Structure formats: C-alpha cells, structure tokens
Amino acid sequence: MSAALRIENVSVSFGGVSALDEVSADFPQGKIIGIIGPNGAGKTTLLNVICQMSPPDKGEVFLGERRLTGMKPNQVAALGLRRTFQASQLFAGMTVLENMMTGLHLMSTTGLFGAVFRTRRMRDEEAEMRRRAMEALDYVGFAHFAHRPGNALSFGQQRIVEIARTLIYEPKVVLLDEPAVGLSVNRVAELDALLRRIRDERGVTLVMIEHVIRLVMEVSDHIVVLSSGRKIAEGDPSAVRNDPTVVEAYLGHQAHA
C-alpha cells in the first residue's frame, strides 16, 4: 500500500535538547494512524514538523511523492494537508458558521476590487463558501450549531467543529492533535464513529495524537509509538499492545496509574 505521508530520519533539537531523534515512518493512504507515547515523547513536535510549522534540523517529509521540507505552512496546506490543535482555534466573536468560513477567502479569485464593491462574482463565491461550510457542519451532525457563537459550544464540541473545518478543503491528510480532549465517554464513541466515516467515505488519511488509549486502540489501523523523541515501535494495534518495549515505556505506566 502506498504511503500518503512519509517522514525520513527526522531530528529536531531545542536548546540542545533532542525532541526528535532520527524518526522515520510511513503513514498508509486512507488509514487512521495513531501516534502515542508519554508526555514529552515528541508527538506534537512531530506534527509541527510534518506541516512545517517547525522545520526539522535533519530529515525529510513527503506528502505522497511531494517533498514538503522547507515549504511554508500555507503551501503545505494548499497541497492537501490540514491539522487541528490541542487548544481551541475558534474565534469567540464569530458564529460557528463564520468560524467555519475563516480562511476560505484564500480560495477567492475576485481580488480586492470584488471584495470592496461586492461584485456578483464575489457574492457567488461567498455563497459557495457558505454552502461548503454548512455541508461540512452537517456531515459531523452540527448543522444546528451554525448560528451559535463559537464560544457558546463546549470545548469538546469546538473540537468537532475544528475537524469539520478541515473537511471543507477536501484534504488528503488531516493531523489531529488530541481530538478527544474534553469529550465525555459517549462523545468519544461518537468521535470514533466520525473518524471511521471520514476514512471510509472520504478516503482521508488521519494522523492522530491521543492519550485516550481505548480510542487509539479501537479506531487506529496503524500505530506509531514514541518515547523520548525516538520511535520505539509501530504496527497494528494488536502488535503494539503486546510489544514489551511499549508496555514498559508507556502502556504499563498507564495501567499502573
């Protein structure tokens, strides 16, 4: 199976401290990949490297056969790679629908003149952006929240809105940074179902950092395990769950806790 995303020998240091050390991995096309590891393992740094928010000191990142290393984050996004963050990225002064439409102006072809004078072409583009935003909200079951203020939603609901916002752009790969944070047990089950739908119906490759191990083990097709900036294991959930190195470095500590 071809890799949607590939990282080769990636290393990153901050102030002489190694955050990632020679990490390599292939992320299969159209699959859900879980990235797990203890706090400080380098998981968020790895996502930052993939989307070029934090260029590596060494190594390469590829989206399909396209080399991403050295690109700007907006250039990477334009190629079909999107991400969510640990903290909510919704603007409090906007409705959910307006938050969904944030960034869609980059797709506009009418320019400054059209925006200032509200030309017919500009109005048509705006209507299309609104339609796509509503379609994405409906896909995640949140259409009824469209006209509510973004800050009126719970933190967990805002995370789902952020996932919906990535879908507007018809991405090839979506990076999810702890999507289950703030979700109740029932909401985690709904997130599980949503991630499977996105994979199965849209063919999107999902790369997920998550500390809710039950979710990772149930929904992931492939798992990469980091510890102290190094990859210590990867494989399907069954193989990772029973890997003695993983149990010692991470899963055993969680079970004990």
C-alpha atoms as a PDB file:
ATOM      1  CA  MET A   1       0.000   0.000   0.000  1.00  0.00           C
ATOM      2  CA  SER A   2       1.309   3.442  -0.931  1.00  0.00           C
ATOM      3  CA  ALA A   3       2.140   5.961   1.771  1.00  0.00           C
ATOM      4  CA  ALA A   4       0.075   9.152   1.934  1.00  0.00           C
ATOM      5  CA  LEU A   5       2.736  10.678   4.154  1.00  0.00           C
ATOM      6  CA  ARG A   6       6.354   9.751   4.797  1.00  0.00           C
ATOM      7  CA  ILE A   7       8.985  11.020   7.210  1.00  0.00           C
ATOM      8  CA  GLU A   8      12.624  10.059   6.883  1.00  0.00           C
ATOM      9  CA  ASN A   9      15.266  10.374   9.631  1.00  0.00           C
ATOM     10  CA  VAL A  10      13.686  13.464  11.180  1.00  0.00           C
ATOM     11  CA  SER A  11      15.589  15.104  14.043  1.00  0.00           C
ATOM     12  CA  VAL A  12      14.717  18.267  15.983  1.00  0.00           C
ATOM     13  CA  SER A  13      16.511  19.862  18.937  1.00  0.00           C
ATOM     14  CA  PHE A  14      15.535  22.777  21.147  1.00  0.00           C
ATOM     15  CA  GLY A  15      18.326  24.410  23.121  1.00  0.00           C
ATOM     16  CA  GLY A  16      20.491  21.336  22.835  1.00  0.00           C
ATOM     17  CA  VAL A  17      17.685  19.006  23.982  1.00  0.00           C
ATOM     18  CA  SER A  18      16.646  16.408  21.424  1.00  0.00           C
ATOM     19  CA  ALA A  19      12.880  16.454  20.800  1.00  0.00           C
ATOM     20  CA  LEU A  20      13.016  14.014  17.866  1.00  0.00           C
ATOM     21  CA  ASP A  21      15.910  11.708  17.083  1.00  0.00           C
ATOM     22  CA  GLU A  22      16.150  10.055  13.654  1.00  0.00           C
ATOM     23  CA  VAL A  23      12.417   9.285  13.419  1.00  0.00           C
ATOM     24  CA  SER A  24      11.192   7.550  10.258  1.00  0.00           C
ATOM     25  CA  ALA A  25       7.691   6.270   9.477  1.00  0.00           C
ATOM     26  CA  ASP A  26       5.281   5.651   6.615  1.00  0.00           C
ATOM     27  CA  PHE A  27       1.614   6.628   7.034  1.00  0.00           C
ATOM     28  CA  PRO A  28      -0.579   4.403   4.808  1.00  0.00           C
ATOM     29  CA  GLN A  29      -3.033   6.005   2.381  1.00  0.00           C
ATOM     30  CA  GLY A  30      -6.651   6.156   3.559  1.00  0.00           C
ATOM     31  CA  LYS A  31      -5.938   4.815   7.054  1.00  0.00           C
ATOM     32  CA  ILE A  32      -6.144   6.077  10.637  1.00  0.00           C
ATOM     33  CA  ILE A  33      -2.714   6.279  12.239  1.00  0.00           C
ATOM     34  CA  GLY A  34      -2.370   6.761  15.989  1.00  0.00           C
ATOM     35  CA  ILE A  35       0.744   8.354  17.491  1.00  0.00           C
ATOM     36  CA  ILE A  36       1.152   7.587  21.179  1.00  0.00           C
ATOM     37  CA  GLY A  37       3.805   7.991  23.837  1.00  0.00           C
ATOM     38  CA  PRO A  38       4.429   9.518  27.272  1.00  0.00           C
ATOM     39  CA  ASN A  39       4.361  13.280  27.813  1.00  0.00           C
ATOM     40  CA  GLY A  40       7.467  14.795  26.259  1.00  0.00           C
ATOM     41  CA  ALA A  41       7.852  11.952  23.766  1.00  0.00           C
ATOM     42  CA  GLY A  42       7.897  14.380  20.805  1.00  0.00           C
ATOM     43  CA  LYS A  43       4.396  13.754  19.429  1.00  0.00           C
ATOM     44  CA  THR A  44       3.307  17.381  18.907  1.00  0.00           C
ATOM     45  CA  THR A  45       6.774  18.278  17.637  1.00  0.00           C
ATOM     46  CA  LEU A  46       6.354  15.564  15.013  1.00  0.00           C
ATOM     47  CA  LEU A  47       3.039  17.063  13.836  1.00  0.00           C
ATOM     48  CA  ASN A  48       4.659  20.504  13.723  1.00  0.00           C
ATOM     49  CA  VAL A  49       7.450  19.110  11.561  1.00  0.00           C
ATOM     50  CA  ILE A  50       5.016  17.381   9.204  1.00  0.00           C
ATOM     51  CA  CYS A  51       3.097  20.608   8.497  1.00  0.00           C
ATOM     52  CA  GLN A  52       6.355  22.631   8.510  1.00  0.00           C
ATOM     53  CA  MET A  53       5.430  24.825  11.468  1.00  0.00           C
ATOM     54  CA  SER A  54       8.717  23.620  12.921  1.00  0.00           C
ATOM     55  CA  PRO A  55      11.186  22.657  10.160  1.00  0.00           C
ATOM     56  CA  PRO A  56      13.436  19.712  11.073  1.00  0.00           C
ATOM     57  CA  ASP A  57      17.130  20.119  11.797  1.00  0.00           C
ATOM     58  CA  LYS A  58      17.627  16.982   9.763  1.00  0.00           C
ATOM     59  CA  GLY A  59      15.487  14.673   7.665  1.00  0.00           C
ATOM     60  CA  GLU A  60      12.718  14.895   5.089  1.00  0.00           C
ATOM     61  CA  VAL A  61       8.912  14.946   4.965  1.00  0.00           C
ATOM     62  CA  PHE A  62       6.917  13.843   1.896  1.00  0.00           C
ATOM     63  CA  LEU A  63       3.206  14.116   1.051  1.00  0.00           C
ATOM     64  CA  GLY A  64       2.895  11.346  -1.496  1.00  0.00           C
ATOM     65  CA  GLU A  65       5.932  11.973  -3.670  1.00  0.00           C
ATOM     66  CA  ARG A  66       5.956  15.730  -2.982  1.00  0.00           C
ATOM     67  CA  ARG A  67       8.760  16.936  -0.721  1.00  0.00           C
ATOM     68  CA  LEU A  68       7.395  19.244   1.987  1.00  0.00           C
ATOM     69  CA  THR A  69      10.650  20.063   3.764  1.00  0.00           C
ATOM     70  CA  GLY A  70      11.413  23.765   3.505  1.00  0.00           C
ATOM     71  CA  MET A  71       7.920  24.803   2.437  1.00  0.00           C
ATOM     72  CA  LYS A  72       5.811  27.360   4.290  1.00  0.00           C
ATOM     73  CA  PRO A  73       2.829  26.016   6.305  1.00  0.00           C
ATOM     74  CA  ASN A  74       0.316  27.684   3.952  1.00  0.00           C
ATOM     75  CA  GLN A  75       1.986  25.995   0.965  1.00  0.00           C
ATOM     76  CA  VAL A  76       1.734  22.637   2.718  1.00  0.00           C
ATOM     77  CA  ALA A  77      -1.952  23.288   3.472  1.00  0.00           C
ATOM     78  CA  ALA A  78      -2.603  24.133  -0.176  1.00  0.00           C
ATOM     79  CA  LEU A  79      -1.281  20.684  -1.149  1.00  0.00           C
ATOM     80  CA  GLY A  80      -3.990  18.978   0.912  1.00  0.00           C
ATOM     81  CA  LEU A  81      -2.589  18.627   4.426  1.00  0.00           C
ATOM     82  CA  ARG A  82      -4.633  20.126   7.296  1.00  0.00           C
ATOM     83  CA  ARG A  83      -4.433  19.946  11.078  1.00  0.00           C
ATOM     84  CA  THR A  84      -6.195  20.694  14.335  1.00  0.00           C
ATOM     85  CA  PHE A  85      -4.517  21.845  17.551  1.00  0.00           C
ATOM     86  CA  GLN A  86      -4.691  20.959  21.256  1.00  0.00           C
ATOM     87  CA  ALA A  87      -6.197  24.360  22.131  1.00  0.00           C
ATOM     88  CA  SER A  88      -9.420  25.568  20.526  1.00  0.00           C
ATOM     89  CA  GLN A  89      -8.859  27.712  17.440  1.00  0.00           C
ATOM     90  CA  LEU A  90     -12.394  29.133  17.237  1.00  0.00           C
ATOM     91  CA  PHE A  91     -12.908  32.895  17.389  1.00  0.00           C
ATOM     92  CA  ALA A  92     -15.197  33.864  20.276  1.00  0.00           C
ATOM     93  CA  GLY A  93     -16.747  36.830  18.462  1.00  0.00           C
ATOM     94  CA  MET A  94     -17.923  34.774  15.481  1.00  0.00           C
ATOM     95  CA  THR A  95     -20.696  32.267  14.953  1.00  0.00           C
ATOM     96  CA  VAL A  96     -19.825  28.648  14.311  1.00  0.00           C
ATOM     97  CA  LEU A  97     -20.583  29.122  10.599  1.00  0.00           C
ATOM     98  CA  GLU A  98     -18.371  32.214  10.408  1.00  0.00           C
ATOM     99  CA  ASN A  99     -15.592  30.261  12.108  1.00  0.00           C
ATOM    100  CA  MET A 100     -16.041  27.509   9.551  1.00  0.00           C
ATOM    101  CA  MET A 101     -15.639  30.038   6.741  1.00  0.00           C
ATOM    102  CA  THR A 102     -12.447  31.508   8.193  1.00  0.00           C
ATOM    103  CA  GLY A 103      -9.680  31.006   5.670  1.00  0.00           C
ATOM    104  CA  LEU A 104     -11.996  30.262   2.751  1.00  0.00           C
ATOM    105  CA  HIS A 105     -11.279  33.760   1.426  1.00  0.00           C
ATOM    106  CA  LEU A 106      -7.908  32.366   0.350  1.00  0.00           C
ATOM    107  CA  MET A 107      -9.825  30.427  -2.286  1.00  0.00           C
ATOM    108  CA  SER A 108     -11.343  33.621  -3.701  1.00  0.00           C
ATOM    109  CA  THR A 109     -10.370  34.715  -7.210  1.00  0.00           C
ATOM    110  CA  THR A 110     -12.194  38.067  -7.235  1.00  0.00           C
ATOM    111  CA  GLY A 111      -9.421  40.100  -5.607  1.00  0.00           C
ATOM    112  CA  LEU A 112      -9.639  43.387  -3.715  1.00  0.00           C
ATOM    113  CA  PHE A 113     -11.966  45.087  -6.207  1.00  0.00           C
ATOM    114  CA  GLY A 114     -14.564  42.359  -5.906  1.00  0.00           C
ATOM    115  CA  ALA A 115     -14.371  42.376  -2.111  1.00  0.00           C
ATOM    116  CA  VAL A 116     -14.761  46.157  -1.829  1.00  0.00           C
ATOM    117  CA  PHE A 117     -17.561  46.585  -4.366  1.00  0.00           C
ATOM    118  CA  ARG A 118     -19.316  43.265  -3.650  1.00  0.00           C
ATOM    119  CA  THR A 119     -19.430  42.203  -7.279  1.00  0.00           C
ATOM    120  CA  ARG A 120     -21.731  39.448  -8.485  1.00  0.00           C
ATOM    121  CA  ARG A 121     -18.779  37.113  -8.759  1.00  0.00           C
ATOM    122  CA  MET A 122     -17.781  37.867  -5.166  1.00  0.00           C
ATOM    123  CA  ARG A 123     -21.319  37.213  -3.928  1.00  0.00           C
ATOM    124  CA  ASP A 124     -21.444  33.920  -5.833  1.00  0.00           C
ATOM    125  CA  GLU A 125     -18.110  32.842  -4.333  1.00  0.00           C
ATOM    126  CA  GLU A 126     -19.269  33.743  -0.843  1.00  0.00           C
ATOM    127  CA  ALA A 127     -22.476  31.730  -1.321  1.00  0.00           C
ATOM    128  CA  GLU A 128     -20.396  28.731  -2.411  1.00  0.00           C
ATOM    129  CA  MET A 129     -18.118  29.092   0.625  1.00  0.00           C
ATOM    130  CA  ARG A 130     -21.167  29.223   2.901  1.00  0.00           C
ATOM    131  CA  ARG A 131     -22.630  26.140   1.213  1.00  0.00           C
ATOM    132  CA  ARG A 132     -19.417  24.170   1.683  1.00  0.00           C
ATOM    133  CA  ALA A 133     -19.139  25.239   5.315  1.00  0.00           C
ATOM    134  CA  MET A 134     -22.730  24.184   6.028  1.00  0.00           C
ATOM    135  CA  GLU A 135     -22.176  20.887   4.230  1.00  0.00           C
ATOM    136  CA  ALA A 136     -19.166  20.122   6.448  1.00  0.00           C
ATOM    137  CA  LEU A 137     -21.107  21.049   9.602  1.00  0.00           C
ATOM    138  CA  ASP A 138     -23.968  18.807   8.526  1.00  0.00           C
ATOM    139  CA  TYR A 139     -21.520  15.969   7.876  1.00  0.00           C
ATOM    140  CA  VAL A 140     -20.420  15.962  11.531  1.00  0.00           C
ATOM    141  CA  GLY A 141     -24.001  16.434  12.780  1.00  0.00           C
ATOM    142  CA  PHE A 142     -23.506  20.033  13.903  1.00  0.00           C
ATOM    143  CA  ALA A 143     -25.600  21.983  11.368  1.00  0.00           C
ATOM    144  CA  HIS A 144     -27.917  23.100  14.186  1.00  0.00           C
ATOM    145  CA  PHE A 145     -24.980  24.927  15.800  1.00  0.00           C
ATOM    146  CA  ALA A 146     -24.274  27.052  12.708  1.00  0.00           C
ATOM    147  CA  HIS A 147     -25.566  30.358  14.072  1.00  0.00           C
ATOM    148  CA  ARG A 148     -24.469  29.961  17.675  1.00  0.00           C
ATOM    149  CA  PRO A 149     -21.445  31.904  18.951  1.00  0.00           C
ATOM    150  CA  GLY A 150     -18.307  29.792  18.769  1.00  0.00           C
ATOM    151  CA  ASN A 151     -17.632  30.255  22.480  1.00  0.00           C
ATOM    152  CA  ALA A 152     -21.140  29.012  23.374  1.00  0.00           C
ATOM    153  CA  LEU A 153     -20.092  25.462  22.499  1.00  0.00           C
ATOM    154  CA  SER A 154     -18.380  23.183  24.982  1.00  0.00           C
ATOM    155  CA  PHE A 155     -14.682  22.582  24.497  1.00  0.00           C
ATOM    156  CA  GLY A 156     -15.394  19.093  23.200  1.00  0.00           C
ATOM    157  CA  GLN A 157     -17.942  20.425  20.696  1.00  0.00           C
ATOM    158  CA  GLN A 158     -15.448  23.010  19.486  1.00  0.00           C
ATOM    159  CA  ARG A 159     -13.007  20.184  18.729  1.00  0.00           C
ATOM    160  CA  ILE A 160     -15.586  18.553  16.455  1.00  0.00           C
ATOM    161  CA  VAL A 161     -16.178  21.887  14.688  1.00  0.00           C
ATOM    162  CA  GLU A 162     -12.439  22.139  14.066  1.00  0.00           C
ATOM    163  CA  ILE A 163     -12.442  18.678  12.488  1.00  0.00           C
ATOM    164  CA  ALA A 164     -15.375  19.756  10.310  1.00  0.00           C
ATOM    165  CA  ARG A 165     -13.435  22.860   9.250  1.00  0.00           C
ATOM    166  CA  THR A 166     -10.597  20.721   7.890  1.00  0.00           C
ATOM    167  CA  LEU A 167     -13.053  18.828   5.682  1.00  0.00           C
ATOM    168  CA  ILE A 168     -14.110  21.951   3.747  1.00  0.00           C
ATOM    169  CA  TYR A 169     -10.813  21.838   1.846  1.00  0.00           C
ATOM    170  CA  GLU A 170     -11.194  18.187   0.746  1.00  0.00           C
ATOM    171  CA  PRO A 171      -7.851  17.264   2.349  1.00  0.00           C
ATOM    172  CA  LYS A 172      -5.668  14.286   1.590  1.00  0.00           C
ATOM    173  CA  VAL A 173      -4.252  14.111   5.117  1.00  0.00           C
ATOM    174  CA  VAL A 174      -5.544  15.572   8.400  1.00  0.00           C
ATOM    175  CA  LEU A 175      -3.376  15.807  11.520  1.00  0.00           C
ATOM    176  CA  LEU A 176      -5.420  15.626  14.743  1.00  0.00           C
ATOM    177  CA  ASP A 177      -3.808  16.801  17.989  1.00  0.00           C
ATOM    178  CA  GLU A 178      -5.714  15.142  20.854  1.00  0.00           C
ATOM    179  CA  PRO A 179      -9.221  15.316  19.335  1.00  0.00           C
ATOM    180  CA  ALA A 180     -10.831  13.519  22.312  1.00  0.00           C
ATOM    181  CA  VAL A 181      -9.781  16.132  24.896  1.00  0.00           C
ATOM    182  CA  GLY A 182     -12.848  17.379  26.775  1.00  0.00           C
ATOM    183  CA  LEU A 183     -15.170  14.703  25.383  1.00  0.00           C
ATOM    184  CA  SER A 184     -17.416  12.534  27.560  1.00  0.00           C
ATOM    185  CA  VAL A 185     -17.389   8.752  27.154  1.00  0.00           C
ATOM    186  CA  ASN A 186     -20.414   8.946  24.844  1.00  0.00           C
ATOM    187  CA  ARG A 187     -18.817  11.733  22.795  1.00  0.00           C
ATOM    188  CA  VAL A 188     -15.621   9.680  22.445  1.00  0.00           C
ATOM    189  CA  ALA A 189     -17.719   6.872  20.938  1.00  0.00           C
ATOM    190  CA  GLU A 190     -19.250   9.403  18.512  1.00  0.00           C
ATOM    191  CA  LEU A 191     -15.765  10.657  17.616  1.00  0.00           C
ATOM    192  CA  ASP A 192     -14.703   7.068  16.941  1.00  0.00           C
ATOM    193  CA  ALA A 193     -17.608   6.684  14.505  1.00  0.00           C
ATOM    194  CA  LEU A 194     -16.897  10.056  12.848  1.00  0.00           C
ATOM    195  CA  LEU A 195     -13.222   9.268  12.253  1.00  0.00           C
ATOM    196  CA  ARG A 196     -14.152   5.937  10.673  1.00  0.00           C
ATOM    197  CA  ARG A 197     -16.668   7.694   8.388  1.00  0.00           C
ATOM    198  CA  ILE A 198     -14.096  10.263   7.275  1.00  0.00           C
ATOM    199  CA  ARG A 199     -11.656   7.458   6.469  1.00  0.00           C
ATOM    200  CA  ASP A 200     -14.150   5.157   4.757  1.00  0.00           C
ATOM    201  CA  GLU A 201     -16.328   7.676   2.910  1.00  0.00           C
ATOM    202  CA  ARG A 202     -13.780  10.334   2.022  1.00  0.00           C
ATOM    203  CA  GLY A 203     -10.570   8.323   1.853  1.00  0.00           C
ATOM    204  CA  VAL A 204      -8.766  10.821   4.071  1.00  0.00           C
ATOM    205  CA  THR A 205      -5.624   9.707   5.894  1.00  0.00           C
ATOM    206  CA  LEU A 206      -5.967  10.667   9.566  1.00  0.00           C
ATOM    207  CA  VAL A 207      -2.880  11.014  11.776  1.00  0.00           C
ATOM    208  CA  MET A 208      -3.925  11.308  15.407  1.00  0.00           C
ATOM    209  CA  ILE A 209      -2.107  12.121  18.639  1.00  0.00           C
ATOM    210  CA  GLU A 210      -4.247  10.898  21.515  1.00  0.00           C
ATOM    211  CA  HIS A 211      -3.923   9.987  25.200  1.00  0.00           C
ATOM    212  CA  VAL A 212      -7.282   8.166  25.298  1.00  0.00           C
ATOM    213  CA  ILE A 213      -5.706   4.777  24.658  1.00  0.00           C
ATOM    214  CA  ARG A 214      -9.042   2.985  24.250  1.00  0.00           C
ATOM    215  CA  LEU A 215      -9.900   5.263  21.310  1.00  0.00           C
ATOM    216  CA  VAL A 216      -6.474   4.829  19.715  1.00  0.00           C
ATOM    217  CA  MET A 217      -6.548   1.049  20.005  1.00  0.00           C
ATOM    218  CA  GLU A 218     -10.110   0.726  18.699  1.00  0.00           C
ATOM    219  CA  VAL A 219     -10.027   3.145  15.765  1.00  0.00           C
ATOM    220  CA  SER A 220      -6.422   3.062  14.502  1.00  0.00           C
ATOM    221  CA  ASP A 221      -5.307   0.891  11.612  1.00  0.00           C
ATOM    222  CA  HIS A 222      -1.646   1.579  12.386  1.00  0.00           C
ATOM    223  CA  ILE A 223       0.129   2.950  15.463  1.00  0.00           C
ATOM    224  CA  VAL A 224       3.494   4.664  15.909  1.00  0.00           C
ATOM    225  CA  VAL A 225       4.939   4.803  19.428  1.00  0.00           C
ATOM    226  CA  LEU A 226       7.404   7.488  20.500  1.00  0.00           C
ATOM    227  CA  SER A 227       9.428   7.718  23.693  1.00  0.00           C
ATOM    228  CA  SER A 228      11.996  10.406  24.492  1.00  0.00           C
ATOM    229  CA  GLY A 229      11.976  11.549  20.880  1.00  0.00           C
ATOM    230  CA  ARG A 230      12.659   8.138  19.370  1.00  0.00           C
ATOM    231  CA  LYS A 231      10.357   5.692  17.626  1.00  0.00           C
ATOM    232  CA  ILE A 232      10.286   2.553  19.748  1.00  0.00           C
ATOM    233  CA  ALA A 233       7.581   0.582  17.932  1.00  0.00           C
ATOM    234  CA  GLU A 234       4.984   0.627  15.175  1.00  0.00           C
ATOM    235  CA  GLY A 235       2.410  -1.745  13.774  1.00  0.00           C
ATOM    236  CA  ASP A 236      -1.234  -2.665  14.101  1.00  0.00           C
ATOM    237  CA  PRO A 237      -2.933  -2.178  17.496  1.00  0.00           C
ATOM    238  CA  SER A 238      -2.561  -5.824  18.493  1.00  0.00           C
ATOM    239  CA  ALA A 239       1.179  -5.861  17.834  1.00  0.00           C
ATOM    240  CA  VAL A 240       1.743  -2.568  19.648  1.00  0.00           C
ATOM    241  CA  ARG A 241      -0.411  -3.566  22.625  1.00  0.00           C
ATOM    242  CA  ASN A 242       1.694  -6.670  23.171  1.00  0.00           C
ATOM    243  CA  ASP A 243       5.117  -5.151  22.478  1.00  0.00           C
ATOM    244  CA  PRO A 244       7.179  -5.452  25.704  1.00  0.00           C
ATOM    245  CA  THR A 245       9.050  -2.211  24.949  1.00  0.00           C
ATOM    246  CA  VAL A 246       5.789  -0.297  24.597  1.00  0.00           C
ATOM    247  CA  VAL A 247       4.321  -1.822  27.750  1.00  0.00           C
ATOM    248  CA  GLU A 248       7.401  -0.835  29.702  1.00  0.00           C
ATOM    249  CA  ALA A 249       7.720   2.679  28.266  1.00  0.00           C
ATOM    250  CA  TYR A 250       4.088   3.702  28.144  1.00  0.00           C
ATOM    251  CA  LEU A 251       1.164   1.308  28.434  1.00  0.00           C
ATOM    252  CA  GLY A 252       2.463  -0.286  31.626  1.00  0.00           C
ATOM    253  CA  HIS A 253       2.713   3.113  33.305  1.00  0.00           C
ATOM    254  CA  GLN A 254      -0.869   3.923  32.289  1.00  0.00           C
ATOM    255  CA  ALA A 255      -2.162   0.619  33.564  1.00  0.00           C
ATOM    256  CA  HIS A 256      -0.362   1.138  36.869  1.00  0.00           C
ATOM    257  CA  ALA A 257      -1.824   4.644  37.177  1.00  0.00           C
END
